[in-house]
PDB file of N, CA and C in Angstrom:
ATOM      1  N   MET A   1    -157.108 103.663-170.186  1.00  0.00           N
ATOM      2  CA  MET A   1    -157.936 102.479-170.240  1.00  0.00           C
ATOM      3  C   MET A   1    -158.036 101.975-171.671  1.00  0.00           C
ATOM      4  N   PRO A   2    -157.967 100.653-171.866  1.00  0.00           N
ATOM      5  CA  PRO A   2    -158.110 100.115-173.221  1.00  0.00           C
ATOM      6  C   PRO A   2    -159.543 100.224-173.714  1.00  0.00           C
ATOM      7  N   ALA A   3    -159.692 100.280-175.019  1.00  0.00           N
ATOM      8  CA  ALA A   3    -161.017 100.279-175.644  1.00  0.00           C
ATOM      9  C   ALA A   3    -161.415  98.834-175.901  1.00  0.00           C
ATOM     10  N   TRP A   4    -162.527  98.400-175.325  1.00  0.00           N
ATOM     11  CA  TRP A   4    -162.991  97.022-175.472  1.00  0.00           C
ATOM     12  C   TRP A   4    -163.903  96.889-176.676  1.00  0.00           C
ATOM     13  N   ARG A   5    -163.817  95.745-177.377  1.00  0.00           N
ATOM     14  CA  ARG A   5    -164.726  95.452-178.477  1.00  0.00           C
ATOM     15  C   ARG A   5    -165.124  93.993-178.388  1.00  0.00           C
ATOM     16  N   LYS A   6    -166.354  93.706-178.804  1.00  0.00           N
ATOM     17  CA  LYS A   6    -166.861  92.340-178.748  1.00  0.00           C
ATOM     18  C   LYS A   6    -166.251  91.526-179.883  1.00  0.00           C
ATOM     19  N   SER A   7    -165.834  90.301-179.576  1.00  0.00           N
ATOM     20  CA  SER A   7    -165.273  89.408-180.578  1.00  0.00           C
ATOM     21  C   SER A   7    -166.297  89.112-181.658  1.00  0.00           C
ATOM     22  N   SER A   8    -165.840  89.026-182.896  1.00  0.00           N
ATOM     23  CA  SER A   8    -166.737  88.695-184.002  1.00  0.00           C
ATOM     24  C   SER A   8    -167.227  87.248-183.896  1.00  0.00           C
ATOM     25  N   TYR A   9    -166.598  86.432-183.069  1.00  0.00           N
ATOM     26  CA  TYR A   9    -167.018  85.054-182.868  1.00  0.00           C
ATOM     27  C   TYR A   9    -168.108  84.931-181.801  1.00  0.00           C
ATOM     28  N   SER A  10    -168.411  86.013-181.082  1.00  0.00           N
ATOM     29  CA  SER A  10    -169.449  85.981-180.055  1.00  0.00           C
ATOM     30  C   SER A  10    -170.819  86.201-180.677  1.00  0.00           C
ATOM     31  N   ALA A  11    -171.758  85.366-180.283  1.00  0.00           N
ATOM     32  CA  ALA A  11    -173.133  85.510-180.766  1.00  0.00           C
ATOM     33  C   ALA A  11    -173.836  86.580-179.936  1.00  0.00           C
ATOM     34  N   GLN A  12    -175.051  86.897-180.324  1.00  0.00           N
ATOM     35  CA  GLN A  12    -175.840  87.839-179.547  1.00  0.00           C
ATOM     36  C   GLN A  12    -176.206  87.172-178.229  1.00  0.00           C
ATOM     37  N   GLY A  13    -176.238  87.916-177.162  1.00  0.00           N
ATOM     38  CA  GLY A  13    -176.608  87.368-175.864  1.00  0.00           C
ATOM     39  C   GLY A  13    -175.552  87.626-174.814  1.00  0.00           C
ATOM     40  N   SER A  14    -175.558  86.815-173.778  1.00  0.00           N
ATOM     41  CA  SER A  14    -174.702  87.092-172.631  1.00  0.00           C
ATOM     42  C   SER A  14    -173.350  86.377-172.654  1.00  0.00           C
ATOM     43  N   SER A  15    -173.176  85.355-173.457  1.00  0.00           N
ATOM     44  CA  SER A  15    -171.917  84.603-173.482  1.00  0.00           C
ATOM     45  C   SER A  15    -170.978  85.170-174.536  1.00  0.00           C
ATOM     46  N   CYS A  16    -170.479  86.354-174.288  1.00  0.00           N
ATOM     47  CA  CYS A  16    -169.633  87.048-175.265  1.00  0.00           C
ATOM     48  C   CYS A  16    -168.200  87.145-174.769  1.00  0.00           C
ATOM     49  N   ILE A  17    -167.284  87.216-175.705  1.00  0.00           N
ATOM     50  CA  ILE A  17    -165.881  87.449-175.409  1.00  0.00           C
ATOM     51  C   ILE A  17    -165.545  88.858-175.870  1.00  0.00           C
ATOM     52  N   TYR A  18    -164.894  89.627-175.004  1.00  0.00           N
ATOM     53  CA  TYR A  18    -164.496  90.981-175.343  1.00  0.00           C
ATOM     54  C   TYR A  18    -162.983  91.056-175.416  1.00  0.00           C
ATOM     55  N   LEU A  19    -162.477  91.839-176.351  1.00  0.00           N
ATOM     56  CA  LEU A  19    -161.049  92.003-176.584  1.00  0.00           C
ATOM     57  C   LEU A  19    -160.657  93.458-176.397  1.00  0.00           C
ATOM     58  N   ALA A  20    -159.410  93.677-176.035  1.00  0.00           N
ATOM     59  CA  ALA A  20    -158.911  95.039-175.896  1.00  0.00           C
ATOM     60  C   ALA A  20    -157.505  95.118-176.442  1.00  0.00           C
ATOM     61  N   GLU A  21    -157.181  96.228-177.047  1.00  0.00           N
ATOM     62  CA  GLU A  21    -155.803  96.501-177.456  1.00  0.00           C
ATOM     63  C   GLU A  21    -154.973  96.711-176.204  1.00  0.00           C
ATOM     64  N   VAL A  22    -153.813  96.096-176.144  1.00  0.00           N
ATOM     65  CA  VAL A  22    -152.923  96.282-175.011  1.00  0.00           C
ATOM     66  C   VAL A  22    -151.800  97.198-175.461  1.00  0.00           C
ATOM     67  N   PRO A  23    -151.831  98.470-175.042  1.00  0.00           N
ATOM     68  CA  PRO A  23    -150.735  99.348-175.446  1.00  0.00           C
ATOM     69  C   PRO A  23    -149.438  98.882-174.784  1.00  0.00           C
ATOM     70  N   ALA A  24    -148.425  98.709-175.578  1.00  0.00           N
ATOM     71  CA  ALA A  24    -147.190  98.174-175.039  1.00  0.00           C
ATOM     72  C   ALA A  24    -145.998  98.657-175.856  1.00  0.00           C
ATOM     73  N   SER A  25    -144.888  98.731-175.182  1.00  0.00           N
ATOM     74  CA  SER A  25    -143.624  99.009-175.844  1.00  0.00           C
ATOM     75  C   SER A  25    -142.873  97.680-175.881  1.00  0.00           C
ATOM     76  N   TRP A  26    -142.849  97.050-177.044  1.00  0.00           N
ATOM     77  CA  TRP A  26    -142.293  95.708-177.175  1.00  0.00           C
ATOM     78  C   TRP A  26    -140.775  95.733-177.258  1.00  0.00           C
ATOM     79  N   GLN A  27    -140.137  94.771-176.593  1.00  0.00           N
ATOM     80  CA  GLN A  27    -138.684  94.622-176.623  1.00  0.00           C
ATOM     81  C   GLN A  27    -138.371  93.189-177.038  1.00  0.00           C
ATOM     82  N   LYS A  28    -137.486  93.043-178.009  1.00  0.00           N
ATOM     83  CA  LYS A  28    -137.092  91.702-178.460  1.00  0.00           C
ATOM     84  C   LYS A  28    -136.211  91.054-177.401  1.00  0.00           C
ATOM     85  N   SER A  29    -136.480  89.789-177.131  1.00  0.00           N
ATOM     86  CA  SER A  29    -135.687  89.047-176.167  1.00  0.00           C
ATOM     87  C   SER A  29    -134.227  89.006-176.591  1.00  0.00           C
ATOM     88  N   SER A  30    -133.327  89.107-175.631  1.00  0.00           N
ATOM     89  CA  SER A  30    -131.895  89.045-175.939  1.00  0.00           C
ATOM     90  C   SER A  30    -131.495  87.641-176.391  1.00  0.00           C
ATOM     91  N   TYR A  31    -132.344  86.646-176.189  1.00  0.00           N
ATOM     92  CA  TYR A  31    -132.072  85.285-176.644  1.00  0.00           C
ATOM     93  C   TYR A  31    -132.534  85.054-178.078  1.00  0.00           C
ATOM     94  N   SER A  32    -133.267  86.009-178.655  1.00  0.00           N
ATOM     95  CA  SER A  32    -133.728  85.878-180.042  1.00  0.00           C
ATOM     96  C   SER A  32    -132.629  86.324-180.992  1.00  0.00           C
ATOM     97  N   HIS A  33    -132.459  85.562-182.064  1.00  0.00           N
ATOM     98  CA  HIS A  33    -131.451  85.900-183.063  1.00  0.00           C
ATOM     99  C   HIS A  33    -132.049  86.837-184.105  1.00  0.00           C
ATOM    100  N   GLU A  34    -131.243  87.308-185.011  1.00  0.00           N
ATOM    101  CA  GLU A  34    -131.738  88.144-186.105  1.00  0.00           C
ATOM    102  C   GLU A  34    -132.641  87.316-187.006  1.00  0.00           C
ATOM    103  N   GLY A  35    -133.612  87.948-187.610  1.00  0.00           N
ATOM    104  CA  GLY A  35    -134.523  87.240-188.513  1.00  0.00           C
ATOM    105  C   GLY A  35    -135.826  86.907-187.830  1.00  0.00           C
ATOM    106  N   SER A  36    -136.384  85.755-188.199  1.00  0.00           N
ATOM    107  CA  SER A  36    -137.681  85.363-187.650  1.00  0.00           C
ATOM    108  C   SER A  36    -137.506  84.551-186.372  1.00  0.00           C
ATOM    109  N   ASN A  37    -138.618  84.039-185.867  1.00  0.00           N
ATOM    110  CA  ASN A  37    -138.638  83.249-184.638  1.00  0.00           C
ATOM    111  C   ASN A  37    -138.145  84.030-183.431  1.00  0.00           C
ATOM    112  N   CYS A  38    -138.592  85.265-183.315  1.00  0.00           N
ATOM    113  CA  CYS A  38    -138.201  86.118-182.203  1.00  0.00           C
ATOM    114  C   CYS A  38    -139.324  86.183-181.170  1.00  0.00           C
ATOM    115  N   VAL A  39    -138.947  86.277-179.912  1.00  0.00           N
ATOM    116  CA  VAL A  39    -139.901  86.455-178.828  1.00  0.00           C
ATOM    117  C   VAL A  39    -139.792  87.898-178.356  1.00  0.00           C
ATOM    118  N   TYR A  40    -140.953  88.544-178.192  1.00  0.00           N
ATOM    119  CA  TYR A  40    -141.007  89.922-177.710  1.00  0.00           C
ATOM    120  C   TYR A  40    -141.705  89.954-176.363  1.00  0.00           C
ATOM    121  N   VAL A  41    -141.281  90.857-175.504  1.00  0.00           N
ATOM    122  CA  VAL A  41    -141.856  90.999-174.174  1.00  0.00           C
ATOM    123  C   VAL A  41    -142.178  92.473-173.924  1.00  0.00           C
ATOM    124  N   ALA A  42    -143.232  92.712-173.149  1.00  0.00           N
ATOM    125  CA  ALA A  42    -143.622  94.077-172.792  1.00  0.00           C
ATOM    126  C   ALA A  42    -144.273  94.048-171.414  1.00  0.00           C
ATOM    127  N   ALA A  43    -144.310  95.194-170.785  1.00  0.00           N
ATOM    128  CA  ALA A  43    -145.007  95.364-169.500  1.00  0.00           C
ATOM    129  C   ALA A  43    -146.030  96.486-169.679  1.00  0.00           C
ATOM    130  N   PRO A  44    -147.210  96.148-170.255  1.00  0.00           N
ATOM    131  CA  PRO A  44    -148.193  97.174-170.604  1.00  0.00           C
ATOM    132  C   PRO A  44    -148.928  97.782-169.424  1.00  0.00           C
ATOM    133  N   ALA A  45    -148.904  97.137-168.271  1.00  0.00           N
ATOM    134  CA  ALA A  45    -149.601  97.641-167.088  1.00  0.00           C
ATOM    135  C   ALA A  45    -148.881  97.116-165.849  1.00  0.00           C
ATOM    136  N   PRO A  46    -149.106  97.738-164.707  1.00  0.00           N
ATOM    137  CA  PRO A  46    -148.481  97.222-163.482  1.00  0.00           C
ATOM    138  C   PRO A  46    -148.877  95.761-163.244  1.00  0.00           C
ATOM    139  N   HIS A  47    -147.926  94.958-162.864  1.00  0.00           N
ATOM    140  CA  HIS A  47    -148.142  93.549-162.548  1.00  0.00           C
ATOM    141  C   HIS A  47    -148.608  92.729-163.750  1.00  0.00           C
ATOM    142  N   THR A  48    -148.270  93.168-164.970  1.00  0.00           N
ATOM    143  CA  THR A  48    -148.653  92.452-166.185  1.00  0.00           C
ATOM    144  C   THR A  48    -147.461  92.323-167.118  1.00  0.00           C
ATOM    145  N   ILE A  49    -147.241  91.120-167.613  1.00  0.00           N
ATOM    146  CA  ILE A  49    -146.213  90.858-168.614  1.00  0.00           C
ATOM    147  C   ILE A  49    -146.934  90.343-169.860  1.00  0.00           C
ATOM    148  N   ALA A  50    -146.576  90.865-171.012  1.00  0.00           N
ATOM    149  CA  ALA A  50    -147.150  90.420-172.278  1.00  0.00           C
ATOM    150  C   ALA A  50    -146.040  89.806-173.127  1.00  0.00           C
ATOM    151  N   LEU A  51    -146.353  88.699-173.790  1.00  0.00           N
ATOM    152  CA  LEU A  51    -145.395  87.998-174.643  1.00  0.00           C
ATOM    153  C   LEU A  51    -146.028  87.759-176.002  1.00  0.00           C
ATOM    154  N   ARG A  52    -145.228  87.850-177.046  1.00  0.00           N
ATOM    155  CA  ARG A  52    -145.696  87.517-178.395  1.00  0.00           C
ATOM    156  C   ARG A  52    -144.522  86.986-179.197  1.00  0.00           C
ATOM    157  N   GLU A  53    -144.848  86.318-180.301  1.00  0.00           N
ATOM    158  CA  GLU A  53    -143.846  85.752-181.192  1.00  0.00           C
ATOM    159  C   GLU A  53    -143.882  86.517-182.511  1.00  0.00           C
ATOM    160  N   SER A  54    -142.748  86.651-183.165  1.00  0.00           N
ATOM    161  CA  SER A  54    -142.682  87.424-184.412  1.00  0.00           C
ATOM    162  C   SER A  54    -143.519  86.809-185.522  1.00  0.00           C
ATOM    163  N   ASP A  55    -143.690  85.480-185.527  1.00  0.00           N
ATOM    164  CA  ASP A  55    -144.471  84.823-186.583  1.00  0.00           C
ATOM    165  C   ASP A  55    -145.960  85.140-186.493  1.00  0.00           C
ATOM    166  N   GLU A  56    -146.475  85.382-185.286  1.00  0.00           N
ATOM    167  CA  GLU A  56    -147.890  85.710-185.089  1.00  0.00           C
ATOM    168  C   GLU A  56    -148.003  86.845-184.076  1.00  0.00           C
ATOM    169  N   PRO A  57    -147.658  88.069-184.466  1.00  0.00           N
ATOM    170  CA  PRO A  57    -147.599  89.181-183.510  1.00  0.00           C
ATOM    171  C   PRO A  57    -148.952  89.597-182.937  1.00  0.00           C
ATOM    172  N   ASP A  58    -150.053  89.175-183.546  1.00  0.00           N
ATOM    173  CA  ASP A  58    -151.367  89.526-183.014  1.00  0.00           C
ATOM    174  C   ASP A  58    -151.814  88.594-181.891  1.00  0.00           C
ATOM    175  N   VAL A  59    -151.106  87.483-181.707  1.00  0.00           N
ATOM    176  CA  VAL A  59    -151.409  86.558-180.620  1.00  0.00           C
ATOM    177  C   VAL A  59    -150.546  86.961-179.433  1.00  0.00           C
ATOM    178  N   ILE A  60    -151.201  87.422-178.364  1.00  0.00           N
ATOM    179  CA  ILE A  60    -150.476  87.943-177.209  1.00  0.00           C
ATOM    180  C   ILE A  60    -150.865  87.144-175.974  1.00  0.00           C
ATOM    181  N   LEU A  61    -149.866  86.654-175.257  1.00  0.00           N
ATOM    182  CA  LEU A  61    -150.053  85.953-174.005  1.00  0.00           C
ATOM    183  C   LEU A  61    -149.782  86.941-172.882  1.00  0.00           C
ATOM    184  N   THR A  62    -150.693  87.033-171.921  1.00  0.00           N
ATOM    185  CA  THR A  62    -150.457  87.907-170.775  1.00  0.00           C
ATOM    186  C   THR A  62    -150.374  87.068-169.516  1.00  0.00           C
ATOM    187  N   THR A  63    -149.524  87.494-168.604  1.00  0.00           N
ATOM    188  CA  THR A  63    -149.319  86.792-167.348  1.00  0.00           C
ATOM    189  C   THR A  63    -148.815  87.799-166.308  1.00  0.00           C
ATOM    190  N   THR A  64    -148.519  87.314-165.141  1.00  0.00           N
ATOM    191  CA  THR A  64    -147.945  88.161-164.095  1.00  0.00           C
ATOM    192  C   THR A  64    -146.452  87.884-164.001  1.00  0.00           C
ATOM    193  N   PRO A  65    -145.686  88.821-163.462  1.00  0.00           N
ATOM    194  CA  PRO A  65    -144.250  88.553-163.289  1.00  0.00           C
ATOM    195  C   PRO A  65    -143.993  87.308-162.435  1.00  0.00           C
ATOM    196  N   ALA A  66    -144.800  87.106-161.393  1.00  0.00           N
ATOM    197  CA  ALA A  66    -144.599  85.939-160.523  1.00  0.00           C
ATOM    198  C   ALA A  66    -144.849  84.640-161.276  1.00  0.00           C
ATOM    199  N   ALA A  67    -145.930  84.570-162.041  1.00  0.00           N
ATOM    200  CA  ALA A  67    -146.230  83.350-162.793  1.00  0.00           C
ATOM    201  C   ALA A  67    -145.183  83.087-163.867  1.00  0.00           C
ATOM    202  N   LEU A  68    -144.717  84.142-164.542  1.00  0.00           N
ATOM    203  CA  LEU A  68    -143.677  83.972-165.563  1.00  0.00           C
ATOM    204  C   LEU A  68    -142.381  83.480-164.914  1.00  0.00           C
ATOM    205  N   GLY A  69    -142.045  84.031-163.757  1.00  0.00           N
ATOM    206  CA  GLY A  69    -140.850  83.590-163.040  1.00  0.00           C
ATOM    207  C   GLY A  69    -140.925  82.121-162.653  1.00  0.00           C
ATOM    208  N   THR A  70    -142.096  81.684-162.190  1.00  0.00           N
ATOM    209  CA  THR A  70    -142.301  80.280-161.835  1.00  0.00           C
ATOM    210  C   THR A  70    -142.141  79.392-163.058  1.00  0.00           C
ATOM    211  N   PHE A  71    -142.718  79.814-164.191  1.00  0.00           N
ATOM    212  CA  PHE A  71    -142.606  79.047-165.429  1.00  0.00           C
ATOM    213  C   PHE A  71    -141.143  78.944-165.881  1.00  0.00           C
ATOM    214  N   ILE A  72    -140.420  80.051-165.857  1.00  0.00           N
ATOM    215  CA  ILE A  72    -139.019  80.052-166.299  1.00  0.00           C
ATOM    216  C   ILE A  72    -138.172  79.152-165.411  1.00  0.00           C
ATOM    217  N   ARG A  73    -138.369  79.232-164.082  1.00  0.00           N
ATOM    218  CA  ARG A  73    -137.608  78.365-163.179  1.00  0.00           C
ATOM    219  C   ARG A  73    -137.924  76.891-163.437  1.00  0.00           C
ATOM    220  N   ALA A  74    -139.190  76.570-163.688  1.00  0.00           N
ATOM    221  CA  ALA A  74    -139.564  75.181-163.974  1.00  0.00           C
ATOM    222  C   ALA A  74    -138.937  74.714-165.281  1.00  0.00           C
ATOM    223  N   ALA A  75    -138.951  75.570-166.304  1.00  0.00           N
ATOM    224  CA  ALA A  75    -138.357  75.210-167.596  1.00  0.00           C
ATOM    225  C   ALA A  75    -136.854  74.994-167.450  1.00  0.00           C
ATOM    226  N   LYS A  76    -136.184  75.876-166.724  1.00  0.00           N
ATOM    227  CA  LYS A  76    -134.742  75.720-166.510  1.00  0.00           C
ATOM    228  C   LYS A  76    -134.438  74.456-165.718  1.00  0.00           C
ATOM    229  N   GLY A  77    -135.352  74.074-164.845  1.00  0.00           N
ATOM    230  CA  GLY A  77    -135.160  72.875-164.035  1.00  0.00           C
ATOM    231  C   GLY A  77    -135.511  71.587-164.749  1.00  0.00           C
ATOM    232  N   GLY A  78    -135.986  71.677-165.993  1.00  0.00           N
ATOM    233  CA  GLY A  78    -136.272  70.492-166.792  1.00  0.00           C
ATOM    234  C   GLY A  78    -137.674  69.949-166.649  1.00  0.00           C
ATOM    235  N   ALA A  79    -138.572  70.694-166.020  1.00  0.00           N
ATOM    236  CA  ALA A  79    -139.946  70.206-165.789  1.00  0.00           C
ATOM    237  C   ALA A  79    -140.704  69.891-167.066  1.00  0.00           C
ATOM    238  N   PHE A  80    -140.336  70.489-168.189  1.00  0.00           N
ATOM    239  CA  PHE A  80    -141.072  70.293-169.438  1.00  0.00           C
ATOM    240  C   PHE A  80    -140.291  69.495-170.482  1.00  0.00           C
ATOM    241  N   ASP A  81    -139.139  68.971-170.110  1.00  0.00           N
ATOM    242  CA  ASP A  81    -138.281  68.272-171.066  1.00  0.00           C
ATOM    243  C   ASP A  81    -138.969  67.087-171.727  1.00  0.00           C
ATOM    244  N   GLY A  82    -139.806  66.369-171.040  1.00  0.00           N
ATOM    245  CA  GLY A  82    -140.464  65.198-171.608  1.00  0.00           C
ATOM    246  C   GLY A  82    -141.611  65.513-172.540  1.00  0.00           C
ATOM    247  N   LEU A  83    -142.005  66.766-172.643  1.00  0.00           N
ATOM    248  CA  LEU A  83    -143.138  67.143-173.494  1.00  0.00           C
ATOM    249  C   LEU A  83    -142.782  67.175-174.976  1.00  0.00           C
ATOM    250  N   ILE A  84    -141.533  67.417-175.299  1.00  0.00           N
ATOM    251  CA  ILE A  84    -141.133  67.583-176.699  1.00  0.00           C
ATOM    252  C   ILE A  84    -140.824  66.248-177.359  1.00  0.00           C
ATOM    253  N   GLY A  85    -140.229  65.335-176.663  1.00  0.00           N
ATOM    254  CA  GLY A  85    -139.863  64.046-177.251  1.00  0.00           C
ATOM    255  C   GLY A  85    -138.560  64.148-178.012  1.00  0.00           C
ATOM    256  N   ASP A  86    -138.258  63.119-178.759  1.00  0.00           N
ATOM    257  CA  ASP A  86    -137.013  63.089-179.539  1.00  0.00           C
ATOM    258  C   ASP A  86    -137.118  63.972-180.758  1.00  0.00           C
ATOM    259  N   ARG A  87    -136.051  64.648-181.087  1.00  0.00           N
ATOM    260  CA  ARG A  87    -136.004  65.508-182.276  1.00  0.00           C
ATOM    261  C   ARG A  87    -135.048  64.949-183.259  1.00  0.00           C
TER     262      ARG A  87
END
C-alpha cells in the first residue's frame, strides 16, 4: 500500500488533497529517441497505467489500459489533429 501524505497546498479542514508515491518500474517508450523529451510508462498496480515525461518526471498521469487504448486509437485516427494548428 502507498503511504499517503496531505498536499502542502491543502488548508486545514475537510477539503484536502492527498498524494501517494506510486511505486513503479519505468520503461522508456520505444518511440522516444536518445536524450530529452522521452515518455516513460509503468504499470504500478493491476488495471493502472502510469505515464510521465523526462522533462518533468514528478508529474505522473495515471489511467486504465482501456482508457489509454481508446486515447491512442483516437489519436491515430486523427481525432486531435485540429488541436495543434499550423506549425
